Amino acid sequence: MKKIIVIVGPTGIGKTDLALDLAQRLNGEIVSGDSMQIYQEVSVGTAKPTESELKRVKHYLVNEKSVFDEYSVKDFVAMANQAIEKIAGKNKVPFVVGGTGFYINALINKMQLGEPGEYKTSVDSKWEDFLKENDAKKLWDELNKKDPQAASKIEPNNTRRSLRALTVIDRTGKLFSQQQKQIQPRYDALIIGLNTERQLVYDRINKRVDKMMDLGVLDEARYIFDNRAKEHQVIQAIGYKEFFPYFLGEKTLDECVAKLKQASRKYAKRQLTYFKHQLAVNWFDPINDPNYALEIENKINVFLNNK
């Protein structure tokens, strides 16, 4: 199996900076493991690498699709596999970097990403009706009651996947999580995780949101809002939908910024829960350990040189 380096961690922890430095030092190229950086029209809210950062190290799965294109975990796995093959073909080290745990897990391991054919293209109308009368969180709550393991892998606002999982459970009488079995690993992956004290993570997130406001995330959110009827996945991204009440005149801008900070903190908590339970991560503290980068580089060198 090909060796790859994977860098994960909660939002705002410093994955991008670390990946850029390591990729430059270790002859690597970077595959984005973020579900939203693929979109050309949005950069601030997705924490996309800057133009200068993209020039420092070759990146894949960044700016390759429009927000109006469909893009699923299956698409991600197919495109990431192609990118890894290309990087390895140049005798460079593939670095997969991002915070979308399920996408990264699906890439590393050969997972069943679709249901059997008889319920591949439709969902039960009762769950569609339930969603019309309730919100995405309540739909997810129903899934969480039936199959907590499946719910832990699905974002509460991802109604498409929640609907699909509930439908599979009803039609098969089996837990959706039991049908999402991992087969053999696809890659020999060294997974590096960045994390620190929870309050420090939250403080970094709050400062990051303030910086996003300075960089113009509100303009991106307005674009998403104005085109919400035509978009696919990006409308679910944290960083945009939190401003919709402001555009509708229902909340003040300060209230929406506070909501975004809260949503980002909750997302970071869910990210860490997923990484700790679903992936074999080697954890490092980038805030309290001054030697963390050197320790990671040494670990990667041992991994790469171990035949």
Protein backbone atom coordinates (compact mmCIF):
# COMPACT_ATOMS: atom_id res chain seq x y z
CA MET A 1 0.00 0.00 0.00
CA LYS A 2 1.14 3.53 -0.72
CA LYS A 3 2.24 5.55 2.29
CA ILE A 4 0.42 8.82 2.95
CA ILE A 5 0.60 11.40 5.71
CA VAL A 6 -2.71 12.63 7.10
CA ILE A 7 -3.01 15.75 9.26
CA VAL A 8 -6.27 16.25 11.15
CA GLY A 9 -7.57 18.33 14.02
CA PRO A 10 -10.32 20.76 14.98
CA THR A 11 -10.98 23.90 13.01
CA GLY A 12 -8.47 26.69 13.59
CA ILE A 13 -5.79 24.55 15.24
CA GLY A 14 -3.06 25.22 12.65
CA LYS A 15 -3.20 22.27 10.26
CA THR A 16 -2.49 24.38 7.17
CA ASP A 17 0.67 26.02 8.50
CA LEU A 18 2.08 22.71 9.70
CA ALA A 19 1.27 20.95 6.43
CA LEU A 20 2.91 23.67 4.34
CA ASP A 21 6.12 23.53 6.36
CA LEU A 22 6.29 19.73 6.38
CA ALA A 23 5.44 19.36 2.70
CA GLN A 24 8.20 21.78 1.77
CA ARG A 25 10.76 20.06 3.99
CA LEU A 26 9.81 16.50 3.04
CA ASN A 27 9.21 16.85 -0.71
CA GLY A 28 5.45 16.61 -0.43
CA GLU A 29 2.27 17.87 -2.06
CA ILE A 30 -1.05 18.47 -0.37
CA VAL A 31 -4.50 17.00 -0.95
CA SER A 32 -7.24 18.97 0.79
CA GLY A 33 -9.26 16.76 3.12
CA ASP A 34 -11.87 19.47 3.60
CA SER A 35 -15.29 19.05 2.02
CA MET A 36 -15.70 22.76 1.22
CA GLN A 37 -12.32 23.99 -0.05
CA ILE A 38 -13.09 22.38 -3.41
CA TYR A 39 -15.38 25.30 -4.30
CA GLN A 40 -14.02 28.18 -6.36
CA GLU A 41 -16.43 30.89 -5.21
CA VAL A 42 -15.77 30.72 -1.45
CA SER A 43 -12.47 31.10 0.35
CA VAL A 44 -12.79 33.01 3.63
CA GLY A 45 -15.51 30.92 5.26
CA THR A 46 -13.83 27.68 4.18
CA ALA A 47 -10.40 28.76 5.48
CA LYS A 48 -8.95 27.95 2.09
CA PRO A 49 -5.16 28.32 1.69
CA THR A 50 -4.22 31.75 0.39
CA GLU A 51 -2.86 32.33 -3.10
CA SER A 52 0.67 32.60 -1.71
CA GLU A 53 0.23 29.36 0.24
CA LEU A 54 -1.07 27.58 -2.85
CA LYS A 55 2.06 28.71 -4.66
CA ARG A 56 4.37 27.46 -1.90
CA VAL A 57 3.18 23.86 -2.23
CA LYS A 58 1.13 22.16 -4.95
CA HIS A 59 -2.45 21.55 -3.73
CA TYR A 60 -5.19 19.26 -5.01
CA LEU A 61 -8.96 19.41 -4.45
CA VAL A 62 -8.87 23.18 -3.97
CA ASN A 63 -10.82 25.44 -6.37
CA GLU A 64 -11.76 22.51 -8.62
CA LYS A 65 -15.56 22.80 -8.55
CA SER A 66 -18.30 25.42 -8.49
CA VAL A 67 -20.76 25.74 -5.63
CA PHE A 68 -23.41 24.80 -8.20
CA ASP A 69 -21.80 21.42 -8.86
CA GLU A 70 -22.73 18.27 -7.00
CA TYR A 71 -19.93 16.96 -4.80
CA SER A 72 -20.16 14.00 -2.46
CA VAL A 73 -17.85 11.86 -0.38
CA LYS A 74 -17.69 9.43 -3.32
CA ASP A 75 -16.46 12.24 -5.57
CA PHE A 76 -13.92 13.24 -2.94
CA VAL A 77 -12.53 9.71 -2.63
CA ALA A 78 -12.25 9.29 -6.41
CA MET A 79 -10.53 12.66 -6.90
CA ALA A 80 -8.26 12.24 -3.88
CA ASN A 81 -7.18 8.80 -5.08
CA GLN A 82 -6.23 10.30 -8.44
CA ALA A 83 -4.29 13.08 -6.74
CA ILE A 84 -2.39 10.65 -4.52
CA GLU A 85 -1.48 8.52 -7.54
CA LYS A 86 -0.19 11.63 -9.31
CA ILE A 87 1.85 12.77 -6.30
CA ALA A 88 3.33 9.31 -5.72
CA GLY A 89 4.11 9.06 -9.44
CA LYS A 90 6.39 12.07 -9.03
CA ASN A 91 8.15 10.38 -6.09
CA LYS A 92 6.72 12.97 -3.74
CA VAL A 93 4.98 12.44 -0.39
CA PRO A 94 1.17 12.79 -0.37
CA PHE A 95 -0.12 14.88 2.53
CA VAL A 96 -3.89 14.73 3.12
CA VAL A 97 -4.87 17.70 5.28
CA GLY A 98 -8.27 18.67 6.63
CA GLY A 99 -10.97 18.46 9.23
CA THR A 100 -13.76 16.53 7.50
CA GLY A 101 -13.38 13.27 9.38
CA PHE A 102 -15.80 11.10 7.44
CA TYR A 103 -14.25 12.09 4.11
CA ILE A 104 -10.76 11.28 5.35
CA ASN A 105 -11.89 7.98 6.86
CA ALA A 106 -13.57 7.02 3.60
CA LEU A 107 -10.35 7.78 1.74
CA ILE A 108 -8.04 5.86 4.06
CA ASN A 109 -10.35 2.86 4.36
CA LYS A 110 -12.45 1.16 1.71
CA MET A 111 -15.88 1.99 3.04
CA GLN A 112 -19.31 1.17 1.65
CA LEU A 113 -20.50 4.60 0.62
CA GLY A 114 -23.76 3.74 -1.11
CA GLU A 115 -26.73 1.62 -0.23
CA PRO A 116 -27.94 -1.42 -2.17
CA GLY A 117 -29.62 -0.55 -5.43
CA GLU A 118 -33.24 -0.86 -4.37
CA TYR A 119 -33.04 2.18 -2.13
CA LYS A 120 -30.23 4.08 -3.76
CA THR A 121 -32.21 6.84 -5.42
CA SER A 122 -35.11 7.56 -3.10
CA VAL A 123 -35.99 8.18 0.51
CA ASP A 124 -39.13 7.39 2.43
CA SER A 125 -41.74 10.08 2.06
CA LYS A 126 -42.51 9.94 5.78
CA TRP A 127 -39.05 11.28 6.58
CA GLU A 128 -39.31 13.95 3.90
CA ASP A 129 -42.66 14.96 5.43
CA PHE A 130 -41.07 14.94 8.88
CA LEU A 131 -38.35 17.30 7.67
CA LYS A 132 -40.90 19.67 6.15
CA GLU A 133 -42.61 19.97 9.53
CA ASN A 134 -39.41 20.09 11.58
CA ASP A 135 -35.81 21.21 11.17
CA ALA A 136 -32.59 19.41 10.28
CA LYS A 137 -31.55 19.00 13.92
CA LYS A 138 -34.79 17.22 14.84
CA LEU A 139 -34.37 14.89 11.86
CA TRP A 140 -30.85 14.10 13.04
CA ASP A 141 -32.20 13.58 16.58
CA GLU A 142 -34.49 10.84 15.20
CA LEU A 143 -31.50 9.15 13.62
CA ASN A 144 -29.54 9.51 16.84
CA LYS A 145 -32.32 7.69 18.72
CA LYS A 146 -32.32 4.81 16.22
CA ASP A 147 -28.60 4.56 15.46
CA PRO A 148 -26.24 6.74 17.55
CA GLN A 149 -23.16 5.35 15.82
CA ALA A 150 -24.45 6.37 12.41
CA ALA A 151 -25.53 9.78 13.74
CA SER A 152 -22.05 10.43 15.11
CA LYS A 153 -20.70 10.31 11.55
CA ILE A 154 -23.30 12.68 10.08
CA GLU A 155 -23.42 16.43 10.57
CA PRO A 156 -26.79 17.45 12.11
CA ASN A 157 -27.42 19.87 9.24
CA ASN A 158 -26.73 17.28 6.53
CA THR A 159 -30.34 16.38 5.84
CA ARG A 160 -29.50 14.39 2.72
CA ARG A 161 -27.45 11.84 4.65
CA SER A 162 -29.84 11.78 7.61
CA LEU A 163 -32.76 11.08 5.29
CA ARG A 164 -30.82 8.33 3.57
CA ALA A 165 -29.76 6.66 6.82
CA LEU A 166 -33.28 6.70 8.26
CA THR A 167 -34.64 5.25 5.04
CA VAL A 168 -32.08 2.43 5.03
CA ILE A 169 -32.94 1.58 8.64
CA ASP A 170 -36.67 1.46 7.89
CA ARG A 171 -36.37 -0.55 4.70
CA THR A 172 -33.82 -3.10 5.88
CA GLY A 173 -34.59 -3.35 9.57
CA LYS A 174 -30.84 -3.07 10.21
CA LEU A 175 -28.77 -0.29 11.69
CA PHE A 176 -27.27 1.98 9.06
CA SER A 177 -23.92 1.88 10.90
CA GLN A 178 -23.79 -1.89 10.49
CA GLN A 179 -24.07 -1.47 6.74
CA GLN A 180 -21.23 1.07 6.57
CA LYS A 181 -18.53 -1.50 7.18
CA GLN A 182 -14.88 -0.73 6.66
CA ILE A 183 -13.09 -3.29 4.55
CA GLN A 184 -9.29 -3.30 4.29
CA PRO A 185 -7.26 -0.08 4.46
CA ARG A 186 -6.66 1.60 1.12
CA TYR A 187 -3.42 3.27 2.21
CA ASP A 188 -0.69 2.86 4.78
CA ALA A 189 -1.52 6.10 6.56
CA LEU A 190 0.29 7.88 9.36
CA ILE A 191 -2.36 10.09 10.95
CA ILE A 192 -1.10 13.16 12.80
CA GLY A 193 -3.58 15.03 14.98
CA LEU A 194 -3.30 18.53 16.40
CA ASN A 195 -5.16 19.43 19.58
CA THR A 196 -4.74 21.38 22.78
CA GLU A 197 -6.74 22.42 25.83
CA ARG A 198 -10.39 22.91 24.92
CA GLN A 199 -10.56 26.55 26.02
CA LEU A 200 -7.49 27.38 23.93
CA VAL A 201 -9.16 25.75 20.91
CA TYR A 202 -12.28 27.80 21.53
CA ASP A 203 -10.29 31.02 21.93
CA ARG A 204 -8.56 30.39 18.60
CA ILE A 205 -11.91 29.75 16.94
CA ASN A 206 -13.38 33.00 18.27
CA LYS A 207 -10.37 34.97 17.00
CA ARG A 208 -10.55 33.19 13.69
CA VAL A 209 -14.19 34.22 13.22
CA ASP A 210 -13.26 37.84 13.96
CA LYS A 211 -10.53 37.59 11.33
CA MET A 212 -12.98 36.07 8.86
CA MET A 213 -15.24 39.08 9.35
CA ASP A 214 -12.31 41.39 8.54
CA LEU A 215 -11.50 39.37 5.43
CA GLY A 216 -15.02 39.59 4.03
CA VAL A 217 -16.84 36.40 4.96
CA LEU A 218 -20.09 38.38 5.02
CA ASP A 219 -19.80 39.00 1.26
CA GLU A 220 -19.36 35.28 0.65
CA ALA A 221 -22.31 34.51 2.88
CA ARG A 222 -24.45 36.98 0.92
CA TYR A 223 -23.48 35.20 -2.31
CA ILE A 224 -24.45 31.84 -0.81
CA PHE A 225 -27.71 33.30 0.47
CA ASP A 226 -28.62 34.88 -2.86
CA ASN A 227 -27.94 31.62 -4.72
CA ARG A 228 -29.24 29.20 -2.10
CA ALA A 229 -31.90 27.72 -4.39
CA LYS A 230 -29.27 26.56 -6.91
CA GLU A 231 -26.48 25.33 -4.66
CA HIS A 232 -25.75 21.88 -3.32
CA GLN A 233 -23.42 21.09 -0.41
CA VAL A 234 -21.91 24.50 0.34
CA ILE A 235 -25.16 25.85 1.73
CA GLN A 236 -24.61 23.51 4.69
CA ALA A 237 -21.16 24.89 5.50
CA ILE A 238 -20.62 26.50 8.88
CA GLY A 239 -19.65 30.09 8.19
CA TYR A 240 -22.48 31.00 5.83
CA LYS A 241 -25.91 29.85 6.94
CA GLU A 242 -25.42 31.54 10.33
CA PHE A 243 -25.76 34.91 8.55
CA PHE A 244 -29.03 34.08 6.81
CA PRO A 245 -31.16 35.50 9.68
CA TYR A 246 -29.25 38.79 9.29
CA PHE A 247 -30.02 38.95 5.56
CA LEU A 248 -33.67 38.19 6.34
CA GLY A 249 -33.80 40.99 8.92
CA GLU A 250 -34.50 38.55 11.75
CA LYS A 251 -31.28 39.04 13.77
CA THR A 252 -28.54 41.62 14.17
CA LEU A 253 -25.10 41.08 12.69
CA ASP A 254 -23.58 40.77 16.16
CA GLU A 255 -26.06 38.05 17.04
CA CYS A 256 -25.15 36.13 13.90
CA VAL A 257 -21.42 36.47 14.54
CA ALA A 258 -21.97 35.10 18.05
CA LYS A 259 -23.98 32.24 16.56
CA LEU A 260 -21.18 31.47 14.12
CA LYS A 261 -18.64 31.34 16.93
CA GLN A 262 -20.90 28.99 18.88
CA ALA A 263 -21.52 26.77 15.84
CA SER A 264 -17.78 26.63 15.09
CA ARG A 265 -16.99 25.62 18.67
CA LYS A 266 -19.60 22.86 18.56
CA TYR A 267 -18.23 21.68 15.23
CA ALA A 268 -14.71 21.49 16.66
CA LYS A 269 -16.03 19.33 19.49
CA ARG A 270 -17.73 16.98 17.01
CA GLN A 271 -14.56 16.83 14.91
CA LEU A 272 -12.49 15.73 17.89
CA THR A 273 -15.06 13.15 18.92
CA TYR A 274 -14.96 11.65 15.42
CA PHE A 275 -11.17 11.65 15.15
CA LYS A 276 -10.73 10.05 18.56
CA HIS A 277 -13.28 7.29 17.95
CA GLN A 278 -12.90 6.55 14.25
CA LEU A 279 -9.22 7.09 13.39
CA ALA A 280 -5.90 5.90 14.85
CA VAL A 281 -4.45 9.35 15.48
CA ASN A 282 -1.05 10.30 16.89
CA TRP A 283 -1.82 13.46 18.85
CA PHE A 284 0.41 16.51 19.32
CA ASP A 285 -0.15 19.83 21.10
CA PRO A 286 0.88 22.79 18.89
CA ILE A 287 0.27 25.33 21.64
CA ASN A 288 1.88 23.88 24.77
CA ASP A 289 4.63 21.78 23.16
CA PRO A 290 7.31 24.02 21.58
CA ASN A 291 8.94 20.99 19.91
CA TYR A 292 5.78 19.51 18.41
CA ALA A 293 6.72 20.23 14.77
CA LEU A 294 10.14 18.61 15.12
CA GLU A 295 8.60 15.60 16.88
CA ILE A 296 6.09 15.20 14.06
CA GLU A 297 8.76 15.52 11.38
CA ASN A 298 10.87 12.86 13.10
CA LYS A 299 7.88 10.53 13.34
CA ILE A 300 7.09 11.02 9.66
CA ASN A 301 10.70 10.29 8.65
CA VAL A 302 10.70 7.04 10.63
CA PHE A 303 7.36 6.07 9.03
CA LEU A 304 8.52 6.84 5.49
CA ASN A 305 11.83 5.03 5.91
CA ASN A 306 10.27 1.93 7.43
CA LYS A 307 9.89 -0.49 4.54
